[in-house]
N, C-alpha and C. Protein backbone atom coordinates (compact mmCIF):
# COMPACT_ATOMS: atom_id res chain seq x y z
N MET A 1 16.13 0.58 -5.31
CA MET A 1 16.52 0.65 -3.93
C MET A 1 17.11 -0.65 -3.49
N SER A 2 18.35 -0.80 -3.41
CA SER A 2 18.91 -2.08 -2.98
C SER A 2 18.55 -2.32 -1.51
N LEU A 3 18.12 -1.38 -0.76
CA LEU A 3 17.82 -1.54 0.63
C LEU A 3 16.67 -2.49 0.73
N PHE A 4 15.63 -2.52 -0.21
CA PHE A 4 14.61 -3.54 -0.16
C PHE A 4 15.14 -4.96 -0.36
N ARG A 5 16.14 -5.07 -1.20
CA ARG A 5 16.69 -6.32 -1.39
C ARG A 5 17.40 -6.85 -0.10
N LYS A 6 18.13 -5.90 0.49
CA LYS A 6 18.68 -6.17 1.81
C LYS A 6 17.75 -6.67 2.77
N ILE A 7 16.59 -5.92 2.91
CA ILE A 7 15.56 -6.33 3.83
C ILE A 7 15.03 -7.72 3.60
N PHE A 8 14.60 -7.94 2.32
CA PHE A 8 14.01 -9.24 2.09
C PHE A 8 14.90 -10.35 1.59
N GLY A 9 16.19 -9.97 1.34
CA GLY A 9 17.23 -11.04 1.03
C GLY A 9 17.94 -11.38 2.25
N ASN A 10 17.61 -10.87 3.48
CA ASN A 10 18.41 -11.09 4.61
C ASN A 10 18.31 -12.55 5.06
N THR A 11 19.47 -13.17 5.22
CA THR A 11 19.48 -14.65 5.63
C THR A 11 19.42 -14.84 7.10
N GLY A 12 19.52 -13.72 7.71
CA GLY A 12 19.50 -13.95 9.32
C GLY A 12 20.83 -14.22 9.88
N ASN A 13 21.95 -14.22 9.13
CA ASN A 13 23.34 -14.73 9.61
C ASN A 13 24.04 -13.51 10.25
N THR A 14 23.33 -12.30 10.40
CA THR A 14 24.10 -11.27 11.03
C THR A 14 24.33 -11.38 12.50
N PRO A 15 25.47 -11.27 13.05
CA PRO A 15 25.67 -11.55 14.46
C PRO A 15 25.05 -10.46 15.24
N GLU A 16 24.45 -10.81 16.32
CA GLU A 16 23.87 -9.82 17.17
C GLU A 16 24.26 -10.07 18.66
N ASN A 17 24.62 -9.05 19.33
CA ASN A 17 24.92 -9.30 20.78
C ASN A 17 23.69 -9.08 21.62
N LYS A 18 23.07 -10.16 22.02
CA LYS A 18 21.74 -10.00 22.73
C LYS A 18 21.86 -9.40 24.14
N ASP A 19 23.05 -9.52 24.73
CA ASP A 19 23.33 -9.03 26.10
C ASP A 19 23.53 -7.51 26.07
N GLU A 20 23.69 -6.88 24.84
CA GLU A 20 24.02 -5.46 24.79
C GLU A 20 22.75 -4.64 25.01
N GLU A 21 22.70 -3.80 25.91
CA GLU A 21 21.50 -3.01 26.25
C GLU A 21 21.72 -1.61 25.72
N VAL A 22 20.55 -1.10 25.17
CA VAL A 22 20.60 0.28 24.67
C VAL A 22 20.22 1.27 25.67
N SER A 23 20.99 2.33 25.89
CA SER A 23 20.68 3.24 26.84
C SER A 23 19.43 4.02 26.49
N PRO A 24 18.62 4.37 27.46
CA PRO A 24 17.50 5.18 27.15
C PRO A 24 17.82 6.55 26.74
N TYR A 25 19.10 7.03 26.93
CA TYR A 25 19.55 8.28 26.68
C TYR A 25 20.29 8.36 25.30
N ALA A 26 20.40 7.20 24.61
CA ALA A 26 21.05 7.18 23.35
C ALA A 26 20.14 7.82 22.35
N PRO A 27 20.78 8.47 21.25
CA PRO A 27 19.96 9.23 20.32
C PRO A 27 19.17 8.12 19.46
N GLU A 28 17.94 8.55 19.17
CA GLU A 28 17.10 7.61 18.37
C GLU A 28 17.68 7.35 16.99
N VAL A 29 17.74 6.12 16.60
CA VAL A 29 18.20 5.73 15.35
C VAL A 29 17.15 6.04 14.24
N LYS A 30 17.43 6.85 13.36
CA LYS A 30 16.47 7.20 12.28
C LYS A 30 16.73 6.20 11.08
N LEU A 31 15.59 5.47 10.83
CA LEU A 31 15.66 4.47 9.72
C LEU A 31 15.63 5.26 8.36
N PRO A 32 16.20 4.67 7.33
CA PRO A 32 15.94 5.26 5.95
C PRO A 32 14.41 5.13 5.62
N ILE A 33 13.95 5.97 4.74
CA ILE A 33 12.53 6.08 4.48
C ILE A 33 11.82 4.74 4.00
N ASP A 34 12.69 4.07 3.23
CA ASP A 34 12.10 2.83 2.73
C ASP A 34 11.90 1.74 3.79
N GLU A 35 13.00 1.62 4.72
CA GLU A 35 12.93 0.69 5.77
C GLU A 35 11.79 1.09 6.84
N MET A 36 11.68 2.37 6.97
CA MET A 36 10.67 2.89 7.97
C MET A 36 9.30 2.58 7.40
N PHE A 37 9.09 2.75 6.15
CA PHE A 37 7.65 2.45 5.62
C PHE A 37 7.49 0.92 5.69
N THR A 38 8.47 0.15 5.30
CA THR A 38 8.22 -1.35 5.35
C THR A 38 7.96 -1.89 6.73
N HIS A 39 8.69 -1.34 7.68
CA HIS A 39 8.46 -1.78 9.09
C HIS A 39 7.09 -1.38 9.55
N ASN A 40 6.72 -0.13 9.34
CA ASN A 40 5.40 0.33 9.84
C ASN A 40 4.26 -0.29 9.07
N PHE A 41 4.38 -0.44 7.83
CA PHE A 41 3.25 -1.01 6.98
C PHE A 41 3.02 -2.48 7.39
N LYS A 42 4.14 -3.22 7.59
CA LYS A 42 3.92 -4.67 8.01
C LYS A 42 3.39 -4.70 9.45
N LYS A 43 3.83 -3.79 10.27
CA LYS A 43 3.33 -3.78 11.71
C LYS A 43 1.79 -3.45 11.65
N ASN A 44 1.30 -2.65 10.65
CA ASN A 44 -0.10 -2.47 10.57
C ASN A 44 -0.90 -3.57 9.96
N GLY A 45 -0.19 -4.60 9.56
CA GLY A 45 -0.92 -5.78 8.95
C GLY A 45 -0.94 -5.86 7.47
N GLY A 46 -0.25 -4.85 6.75
CA GLY A 46 -0.16 -4.87 5.31
C GLY A 46 0.67 -6.05 4.67
N LYS A 47 0.23 -6.42 3.51
CA LYS A 47 1.01 -7.38 2.84
C LYS A 47 1.77 -6.70 1.71
N PHE A 48 3.07 -6.92 1.77
CA PHE A 48 4.04 -6.13 0.92
C PHE A 48 4.70 -7.01 -0.02
N ILE A 49 4.59 -6.60 -1.38
CA ILE A 49 5.33 -7.36 -2.36
C ILE A 49 6.16 -6.50 -3.27
N TYR A 50 7.56 -6.69 -3.21
CA TYR A 50 8.42 -5.82 -3.95
C TYR A 50 8.65 -6.33 -5.30
N CYS A 51 8.52 -5.43 -6.33
CA CYS A 51 8.69 -5.87 -7.77
C CYS A 51 9.77 -5.06 -8.45
N GLU A 52 10.75 -5.69 -8.95
CA GLU A 52 11.86 -4.97 -9.66
C GLU A 52 11.56 -4.51 -11.04
N ASN A 53 10.55 -5.24 -11.76
CA ASN A 53 10.25 -4.77 -13.04
C ASN A 53 8.73 -5.07 -13.34
N LEU A 54 8.24 -4.70 -14.53
CA LEU A 54 6.85 -4.83 -14.83
C LEU A 54 6.42 -6.28 -14.89
N ASN A 55 7.33 -7.21 -15.39
CA ASN A 55 7.01 -8.63 -15.40
C ASN A 55 6.72 -9.15 -14.02
N GLU A 56 7.47 -8.68 -13.03
CA GLU A 56 7.30 -9.13 -11.67
C GLU A 56 5.95 -8.56 -11.13
N VAL A 57 5.55 -7.35 -11.56
CA VAL A 57 4.27 -6.85 -11.10
C VAL A 57 3.20 -7.76 -11.64
N SER A 58 3.28 -8.15 -12.95
CA SER A 58 2.25 -8.96 -13.49
C SER A 58 2.22 -10.37 -12.87
N GLU A 59 3.43 -11.01 -12.61
CA GLU A 59 3.47 -12.26 -12.03
C GLU A 59 2.95 -12.24 -10.50
N ASN A 60 3.26 -11.30 -9.78
CA ASN A 60 2.85 -11.10 -8.41
C ASN A 60 1.37 -10.85 -8.31
N PHE A 61 0.82 -10.16 -9.36
CA PHE A 61 -0.66 -9.87 -9.36
C PHE A 61 -1.37 -11.21 -9.59
N ILE A 62 -0.83 -11.97 -10.52
CA ILE A 62 -1.45 -13.36 -10.66
C ILE A 62 -1.29 -14.23 -9.50
N ASN A 63 -0.18 -14.13 -8.76
CA ASN A 63 -0.01 -14.92 -7.55
C ASN A 63 -1.11 -14.50 -6.46
N ILE A 64 -1.40 -13.29 -6.36
CA ILE A 64 -2.36 -12.76 -5.39
C ILE A 64 -3.76 -13.34 -5.72
N LEU A 65 -4.14 -13.29 -7.08
CA LEU A 65 -5.33 -13.87 -7.57
C LEU A 65 -5.41 -15.37 -7.24
N GLU A 66 -4.34 -16.12 -7.51
CA GLU A 66 -4.25 -17.46 -7.27
C GLU A 66 -4.46 -17.83 -5.73
N GLU A 67 -3.63 -17.18 -4.90
CA GLU A 67 -3.66 -17.22 -3.47
C GLU A 67 -5.15 -17.12 -2.87
N ASN A 68 -6.00 -16.19 -3.51
CA ASN A 68 -7.32 -15.97 -2.99
C ASN A 68 -8.44 -16.48 -3.77
N ASP A 69 -8.04 -17.16 -4.95
CA ASP A 69 -9.03 -17.67 -5.79
C ASP A 69 -10.00 -16.57 -6.35
N TRP A 70 -9.36 -15.54 -6.82
CA TRP A 70 -10.10 -14.34 -7.37
C TRP A 70 -10.23 -14.27 -8.86
N PHE A 71 -9.81 -15.31 -9.58
CA PHE A 71 -9.88 -15.27 -11.03
C PHE A 71 -11.39 -15.23 -11.46
N GLU A 72 -11.59 -14.56 -12.52
CA GLU A 72 -12.93 -14.31 -13.22
C GLU A 72 -13.91 -13.83 -12.17
N SER A 73 -13.44 -12.88 -11.31
CA SER A 73 -14.30 -12.23 -10.31
C SER A 73 -14.60 -10.88 -10.78
N GLU A 74 -15.55 -10.21 -10.05
CA GLU A 74 -15.85 -8.79 -10.31
C GLU A 74 -15.00 -7.87 -9.52
N VAL A 75 -14.53 -6.85 -10.11
CA VAL A 75 -13.52 -5.99 -9.46
C VAL A 75 -13.94 -4.57 -9.65
N ILE A 76 -13.59 -3.65 -8.75
CA ILE A 76 -13.81 -2.19 -8.96
C ILE A 76 -12.45 -1.66 -9.30
N CYS A 77 -12.31 -0.89 -10.46
CA CYS A 77 -11.12 -0.30 -10.89
C CYS A 77 -11.53 0.95 -11.68
N HIS A 78 -10.97 2.05 -11.35
CA HIS A 78 -11.35 3.31 -12.12
C HIS A 78 -10.20 3.90 -12.96
N GLU A 79 -9.09 3.17 -12.98
CA GLU A 79 -7.92 3.84 -13.66
C GLU A 79 -7.50 2.98 -14.92
N SER A 80 -7.64 3.56 -16.02
CA SER A 80 -7.40 2.89 -17.36
C SER A 80 -6.05 2.30 -17.48
N LYS A 81 -4.99 2.90 -16.80
CA LYS A 81 -3.70 2.38 -16.95
C LYS A 81 -3.58 0.96 -16.24
N LEU A 82 -4.51 0.62 -15.44
CA LEU A 82 -4.50 -0.70 -14.81
C LEU A 82 -5.31 -1.79 -15.51
N PHE A 83 -6.11 -1.34 -16.43
CA PHE A 83 -7.12 -2.24 -17.02
C PHE A 83 -6.50 -3.47 -17.75
N HIS A 84 -5.29 -3.25 -18.26
CA HIS A 84 -4.60 -4.40 -18.95
C HIS A 84 -4.39 -5.53 -18.06
N LEU A 85 -4.08 -5.33 -16.78
CA LEU A 85 -3.90 -6.45 -15.87
C LEU A 85 -5.18 -7.21 -15.59
N LEU A 86 -6.28 -6.44 -15.49
CA LEU A 86 -7.58 -7.02 -15.32
C LEU A 86 -8.03 -7.83 -16.53
N ASP A 87 -7.73 -7.24 -17.73
CA ASP A 87 -8.18 -7.84 -18.95
C ASP A 87 -7.43 -9.22 -19.21
N GLU A 88 -6.15 -9.16 -18.95
CA GLU A 88 -5.27 -10.36 -19.02
C GLU A 88 -5.72 -11.56 -18.17
N ASN A 89 -6.44 -11.18 -17.06
CA ASN A 89 -6.75 -12.30 -16.09
C ASN A 89 -8.30 -12.46 -16.02
N LYS A 90 -9.05 -11.98 -17.06
CA LYS A 90 -10.49 -12.23 -17.23
C LYS A 90 -11.24 -11.73 -16.02
N LEU A 91 -10.87 -10.56 -15.53
CA LEU A 91 -11.61 -9.93 -14.41
C LEU A 91 -12.66 -8.97 -14.84
N ASP A 92 -13.80 -8.91 -14.33
CA ASP A 92 -14.87 -8.08 -14.90
C ASP A 92 -14.92 -6.77 -14.08
N TYR A 93 -14.69 -5.69 -14.74
CA TYR A 93 -14.61 -4.38 -14.08
C TYR A 93 -15.51 -3.38 -14.81
N LYS A 94 -16.01 -3.83 -16.03
CA LYS A 94 -16.70 -2.83 -16.88
C LYS A 94 -18.22 -2.57 -16.56
N ASN A 95 -18.83 -3.55 -15.99
CA ASN A 95 -20.33 -3.44 -15.93
C ASN A 95 -20.72 -3.09 -14.54
N ALA A 96 -20.21 -2.04 -14.00
CA ALA A 96 -20.70 -1.59 -12.56
C ALA A 96 -20.96 -2.90 -11.75
N PRO A 97 -19.88 -3.57 -11.29
CA PRO A 97 -19.96 -4.74 -10.61
C PRO A 97 -20.86 -4.68 -9.28
N LYS A 98 -21.77 -5.71 -9.19
CA LYS A 98 -22.69 -5.67 -8.00
C LYS A 98 -22.00 -6.41 -6.80
N ASN A 99 -21.09 -7.32 -7.04
CA ASN A 99 -20.46 -8.11 -5.96
C ASN A 99 -18.92 -8.07 -6.11
N PRO A 100 -18.34 -6.90 -6.10
CA PRO A 100 -16.88 -6.89 -6.30
C PRO A 100 -16.10 -7.64 -5.23
N VAL A 101 -15.18 -8.42 -5.61
CA VAL A 101 -14.30 -9.13 -4.65
C VAL A 101 -13.17 -8.32 -4.16
N PHE A 102 -12.62 -7.39 -5.01
CA PHE A 102 -11.48 -6.55 -4.52
C PHE A 102 -11.61 -5.24 -5.21
N TYR A 103 -10.78 -4.28 -4.73
CA TYR A 103 -10.62 -2.98 -5.37
C TYR A 103 -9.26 -2.92 -5.78
N PHE A 104 -8.96 -2.42 -7.04
CA PHE A 104 -7.62 -2.28 -7.62
C PHE A 104 -7.42 -0.92 -7.93
N SER A 105 -6.25 -0.30 -7.42
CA SER A 105 -5.95 1.09 -7.78
C SER A 105 -4.50 1.34 -7.61
N THR A 106 -4.11 2.58 -7.89
CA THR A 106 -2.78 3.18 -7.53
C THR A 106 -3.05 3.99 -6.30
N CYS A 107 -2.13 4.91 -5.90
CA CYS A 107 -2.33 5.70 -4.75
C CYS A 107 -1.58 6.99 -5.01
N GLU A 108 -1.67 7.98 -4.14
CA GLU A 108 -1.00 9.26 -4.22
C GLU A 108 0.45 9.09 -3.62
N ASN A 109 0.55 8.54 -2.46
CA ASN A 109 1.86 8.47 -1.71
C ASN A 109 1.84 7.31 -0.72
N LEU A 110 2.98 6.92 -0.34
CA LEU A 110 3.19 5.93 0.78
C LEU A 110 3.76 6.69 1.87
N ILE A 111 3.15 6.69 3.02
CA ILE A 111 3.57 7.55 4.18
C ILE A 111 4.41 6.67 5.12
N ALA A 112 5.72 6.98 5.18
CA ALA A 112 6.64 6.03 5.92
C ALA A 112 6.40 6.08 7.41
N ASP A 113 6.33 7.31 8.01
CA ASP A 113 6.23 7.27 9.56
C ASP A 113 4.92 6.68 10.12
N GLU A 114 3.91 6.46 9.28
CA GLU A 114 2.72 5.84 9.72
C GLU A 114 2.52 4.38 9.14
N GLY A 115 3.26 4.17 8.07
CA GLY A 115 2.98 2.85 7.38
C GLY A 115 1.68 2.91 6.68
N SER A 116 1.17 4.03 6.24
CA SER A 116 -0.13 4.14 5.64
C SER A 116 0.01 4.47 4.20
N ILE A 117 -1.20 4.55 3.49
CA ILE A 117 -1.25 4.79 2.08
C ILE A 117 -2.29 5.98 1.89
N LEU A 118 -1.74 7.02 1.11
CA LEU A 118 -2.56 8.20 0.89
C LEU A 118 -3.33 8.08 -0.44
N PHE A 119 -4.59 8.32 -0.41
CA PHE A 119 -5.42 8.24 -1.67
C PHE A 119 -6.08 9.58 -1.80
N SER A 120 -6.61 9.74 -3.05
CA SER A 120 -7.54 10.95 -3.25
C SER A 120 -8.69 10.45 -4.19
N SER A 121 -9.36 11.46 -4.67
CA SER A 121 -10.52 11.16 -5.63
C SER A 121 -10.03 10.66 -6.89
N ASN A 122 -8.70 10.88 -7.20
CA ASN A 122 -8.17 10.27 -8.39
C ASN A 122 -8.25 8.70 -8.41
N GLN A 123 -8.20 8.17 -7.22
CA GLN A 123 -8.32 6.74 -7.11
C GLN A 123 -9.69 6.35 -6.62
N PHE A 124 -10.19 6.92 -5.56
CA PHE A 124 -11.42 6.53 -4.97
C PHE A 124 -12.68 7.10 -5.48
N ARG A 125 -12.51 8.24 -6.43
CA ARG A 125 -13.64 8.94 -7.00
C ARG A 125 -14.43 9.45 -5.70
N HIS A 126 -15.72 9.26 -5.76
CA HIS A 126 -16.50 9.85 -4.61
C HIS A 126 -16.71 8.87 -3.47
N PHE A 127 -16.15 7.67 -3.58
CA PHE A 127 -16.38 6.66 -2.57
C PHE A 127 -15.53 6.91 -1.26
N LYS A 128 -16.02 6.51 -0.22
CA LYS A 128 -15.22 6.63 1.10
C LYS A 128 -14.67 5.11 1.25
N PRO A 129 -13.69 4.97 2.06
CA PRO A 129 -13.01 3.65 2.20
C PRO A 129 -14.00 2.61 2.71
N ASN A 130 -15.05 3.01 3.59
CA ASN A 130 -15.97 2.05 4.04
C ASN A 130 -16.89 1.57 2.92
N ASP A 131 -16.99 2.34 1.79
CA ASP A 131 -17.87 1.98 0.63
C ASP A 131 -17.23 0.97 -0.31
N LEU A 132 -15.94 0.73 -0.12
CA LEU A 132 -15.16 -0.06 -1.04
C LEU A 132 -15.03 -1.51 -0.40
N PRO A 133 -14.73 -2.52 -1.22
CA PRO A 133 -14.48 -3.84 -0.76
C PRO A 133 -13.42 -3.91 0.32
N THR A 134 -13.51 -4.87 1.18
CA THR A 134 -12.45 -5.10 2.17
C THR A 134 -11.14 -5.43 1.60
N ASN A 135 -11.20 -6.15 0.52
CA ASN A 135 -9.96 -6.60 -0.17
C ASN A 135 -9.53 -5.57 -1.19
N MET A 136 -8.21 -5.24 -1.08
CA MET A 136 -7.66 -4.24 -1.98
C MET A 136 -6.26 -4.75 -2.46
N ILE A 137 -5.92 -4.30 -3.74
CA ILE A 137 -4.62 -4.43 -4.34
C ILE A 137 -4.29 -3.13 -4.81
N VAL A 138 -3.12 -2.62 -4.34
CA VAL A 138 -2.60 -1.23 -4.70
C VAL A 138 -1.30 -1.41 -5.33
N LEU A 139 -1.15 -0.77 -6.46
CA LEU A 139 0.10 -0.69 -7.25
C LEU A 139 0.74 0.77 -6.98
N ALA A 140 2.00 0.75 -6.44
CA ALA A 140 2.64 1.97 -6.03
C ALA A 140 4.12 1.86 -6.61
N THR A 141 4.82 3.02 -6.60
CA THR A 141 6.22 2.93 -6.93
C THR A 141 7.09 3.47 -5.90
N THR A 142 8.31 3.22 -5.84
CA THR A 142 9.12 3.55 -4.77
C THR A 142 9.45 5.06 -4.72
N SER A 143 9.18 5.77 -5.82
CA SER A 143 9.34 7.21 -5.90
C SER A 143 8.17 7.92 -5.16
N GLN A 144 7.08 7.17 -4.76
CA GLN A 144 5.95 7.69 -4.09
C GLN A 144 6.18 7.67 -2.51
N LEU A 145 7.27 7.17 -2.04
CA LEU A 145 7.55 7.08 -0.62
C LEU A 145 7.91 8.51 -0.16
N VAL A 146 7.17 8.91 0.93
CA VAL A 146 7.39 10.22 1.69
C VAL A 146 7.43 10.01 3.12
N THR A 147 8.08 10.89 3.84
CA THR A 147 8.24 10.60 5.29
C THR A 147 6.93 10.73 5.99
N SER A 148 6.25 11.89 5.79
CA SER A 148 4.97 12.16 6.62
C SER A 148 3.89 12.54 5.79
N LYS A 149 2.76 12.45 6.43
CA LYS A 149 1.51 12.97 5.72
C LYS A 149 1.58 14.31 5.22
N GLY A 150 2.17 15.13 5.97
CA GLY A 150 2.38 16.58 5.59
C GLY A 150 3.17 16.65 4.10
N ASP A 151 4.18 15.78 4.10
CA ASP A 151 4.95 15.75 2.83
C ASP A 151 4.07 15.28 1.67
N GLY A 152 3.23 14.22 2.00
CA GLY A 152 2.26 13.75 0.94
C GLY A 152 1.29 14.79 0.49
N LEU A 153 0.75 15.58 1.44
CA LEU A 153 -0.18 16.63 1.07
C LEU A 153 0.46 17.75 0.27
N ARG A 154 1.71 18.07 0.65
CA ARG A 154 2.51 19.11 -0.12
C ARG A 154 2.69 18.63 -1.58
N ILE A 155 3.02 17.38 -1.73
CA ILE A 155 3.21 16.87 -3.12
C ILE A 155 1.99 16.91 -3.84
N ILE A 156 0.80 16.50 -3.31
CA ILE A 156 -0.52 16.59 -4.04
C ILE A 156 -0.77 18.01 -4.44
N LYS A 157 -0.51 18.97 -3.48
CA LYS A 157 -0.74 20.48 -3.82
C LYS A 157 0.09 20.89 -5.02
N ASN A 158 1.37 20.49 -5.04
CA ASN A 158 2.22 20.87 -6.12
C ASN A 158 1.93 20.18 -7.50
N LYS A 159 1.56 18.93 -7.30
CA LYS A 159 1.27 18.01 -8.50
C LYS A 159 0.00 18.53 -9.26
N TYR A 160 -1.03 18.88 -8.49
CA TYR A 160 -2.31 19.14 -8.98
C TYR A 160 -2.57 20.61 -8.71
N ASP A 161 -1.74 21.46 -9.40
CA ASP A 161 -1.73 22.92 -9.18
C ASP A 161 -3.15 23.55 -9.17
N LYS A 162 -3.82 23.29 -10.34
CA LYS A 162 -5.18 23.93 -10.36
C LYS A 162 -6.40 23.02 -10.14
N GLU A 163 -6.15 21.79 -10.52
CA GLU A 163 -7.30 20.80 -10.32
C GLU A 163 -7.01 19.95 -9.09
N TYR A 164 -7.07 20.58 -7.93
CA TYR A 164 -6.73 19.90 -6.69
C TYR A 164 -7.79 18.76 -6.38
N PRO A 165 -7.40 17.60 -6.12
CA PRO A 165 -8.37 16.51 -5.89
C PRO A 165 -9.04 16.59 -4.58
N SER A 166 -10.21 15.96 -4.52
CA SER A 166 -10.96 15.99 -3.23
C SER A 166 -10.77 14.53 -2.63
N ASN A 167 -11.57 14.35 -1.53
CA ASN A 167 -11.68 13.04 -1.04
C ASN A 167 -10.25 12.47 -0.58
N ILE A 168 -9.34 13.31 -0.06
CA ILE A 168 -8.02 12.91 0.33
C ILE A 168 -8.13 12.13 1.70
N THR A 169 -7.63 10.91 1.69
CA THR A 169 -7.73 10.10 2.82
C THR A 169 -6.54 9.09 2.92
N THR A 170 -6.29 8.62 4.16
CA THR A 170 -5.21 7.54 4.24
C THR A 170 -5.92 6.29 4.81
N ILE A 171 -5.33 5.15 4.40
CA ILE A 171 -5.67 3.88 5.01
C ILE A 171 -4.60 3.40 5.74
N LYS A 172 -4.73 3.09 7.03
CA LYS A 172 -3.55 2.69 7.94
C LYS A 172 -3.65 1.36 8.49
N TYR A 173 -4.92 0.85 8.62
CA TYR A 173 -5.10 -0.46 9.32
C TYR A 173 -5.47 -1.56 8.27
N PHE A 174 -4.59 -2.56 8.28
CA PHE A 174 -4.70 -3.61 7.16
C PHE A 174 -5.20 -4.98 7.76
N GLU A 175 -5.58 -4.99 9.05
CA GLU A 175 -6.15 -6.15 9.67
C GLU A 175 -7.12 -5.70 10.77
N LYS A 176 -8.19 -6.52 10.95
CA LYS A 176 -9.08 -6.12 11.95
C LYS A 176 -8.52 -6.15 13.36
N ALA A 177 -8.70 -5.08 14.13
CA ALA A 177 -8.08 -4.88 15.46
C ALA A 177 -8.73 -6.00 16.36
N LYS A 178 -7.84 -6.63 17.15
CA LYS A 178 -8.35 -7.61 18.10
C LYS A 178 -9.24 -6.98 19.18
N GLU A 179 -8.72 -5.78 19.65
CA GLU A 179 -9.45 -5.06 20.56
C GLU A 179 -9.69 -3.61 20.13
N GLU A 180 -10.93 -3.21 19.96
CA GLU A 180 -11.23 -1.94 19.49
C GLU A 180 -10.75 -0.84 20.59
N ASP A 181 -10.07 0.20 20.26
CA ASP A 181 -9.72 1.20 21.16
C ASP A 181 -9.96 2.56 20.45
N PHE A 182 -9.75 3.65 21.15
CA PHE A 182 -10.01 4.96 20.62
C PHE A 182 -9.25 5.25 19.36
N LEU A 183 -8.02 4.63 19.21
CA LEU A 183 -7.20 4.88 18.02
C LEU A 183 -7.81 4.33 16.77
N HIS A 184 -8.59 3.39 16.97
CA HIS A 184 -9.29 2.67 15.79
C HIS A 184 -10.76 3.24 15.47
N TYR A 185 -11.18 4.12 16.31
CA TYR A 185 -12.51 4.60 16.22
C TYR A 185 -12.70 5.34 14.89
N GLY A 186 -13.75 4.95 14.14
CA GLY A 186 -14.04 5.64 12.86
C GLY A 186 -13.22 5.18 11.70
N SER A 187 -12.19 4.30 11.95
CA SER A 187 -11.33 3.86 10.79
C SER A 187 -11.87 2.44 10.31
N CYS A 188 -11.65 2.15 9.06
CA CYS A 188 -11.99 0.81 8.63
C CYS A 188 -10.66 0.02 8.25
N HIS A 189 -10.67 -1.23 8.48
CA HIS A 189 -9.57 -2.03 8.08
C HIS A 189 -9.69 -2.50 6.70
N LYS A 190 -8.55 -2.77 6.01
CA LYS A 190 -8.61 -3.32 4.63
C LYS A 190 -7.61 -4.50 4.54
N ASN A 191 -7.99 -5.50 3.90
CA ASN A 191 -7.04 -6.64 3.60
C ASN A 191 -6.28 -6.18 2.40
N LEU A 192 -5.06 -5.57 2.56
CA LEU A 192 -4.45 -4.91 1.46
C LEU A 192 -3.11 -5.50 1.03
N TYR A 193 -3.03 -5.68 -0.24
CA TYR A 193 -1.81 -6.16 -0.93
C TYR A 193 -1.16 -4.97 -1.56
N LEU A 194 0.07 -4.62 -1.23
CA LEU A 194 0.84 -3.56 -1.88
C LEU A 194 1.87 -4.04 -2.83
N LEU A 195 1.65 -3.89 -4.18
CA LEU A 195 2.71 -4.22 -5.16
C LEU A 195 3.58 -2.97 -5.35
N LEU A 196 4.75 -3.03 -4.79
CA LEU A 196 5.64 -1.86 -4.87
C LEU A 196 6.62 -1.98 -5.96
N PHE A 197 6.54 -1.19 -6.95
CA PHE A 197 7.37 -1.29 -8.24
C PHE A 197 8.59 -0.35 -8.03
N GLU A 198 9.82 -0.87 -8.20
CA GLU A 198 11.06 -0.14 -8.22
C GLU A 198 11.17 0.85 -9.45
N ASP A 199 11.11 2.18 -9.23
CA ASP A 199 11.17 3.00 -10.40
C ASP A 199 12.26 4.06 -10.17
N LEU A 200 13.18 3.88 -9.14
CA LEU A 200 14.28 4.83 -8.86
C LEU A 200 15.59 4.21 -9.30
């Protein structure tokens, strides 16, 4: 998706007419799905890292570990396809960690209109978001972008025809709310890094 490159490679040299006012009656401009997700996810406080290939995924994973001093820490991870990244960086995930520093997983889908991430028991097992560490690293692909939660649930239903997963939940808040309001009631915030791998 070259749109991600446009977003993050933007030099800010595009001319803008600041005096031009937008009419309240003008039709709403619909953003492409990737731009919508990026905008809403960052607005929710998420940390977004775009990766064009698997080498960049590995490099950016190491950068996150360095930034937070998470090397040789305990980690919770349930997905064998991610174990190689943990093994390469001497992270302990095998012995039922007592003090995990972060949670590492994939996800079901990325919900563009909310800027949220959809998970199921395939990632969380029986745990609720509140039971998991505050720090999370999620590896997702651009093909997992969907417009709404309804689209994500439809994809889960079609993908797991007979073995429908349980514990389907979204995480939307990626920083602690300065003022608690009814919108945040019952939700937990996560310090979340999203490694988004280009697979389209």
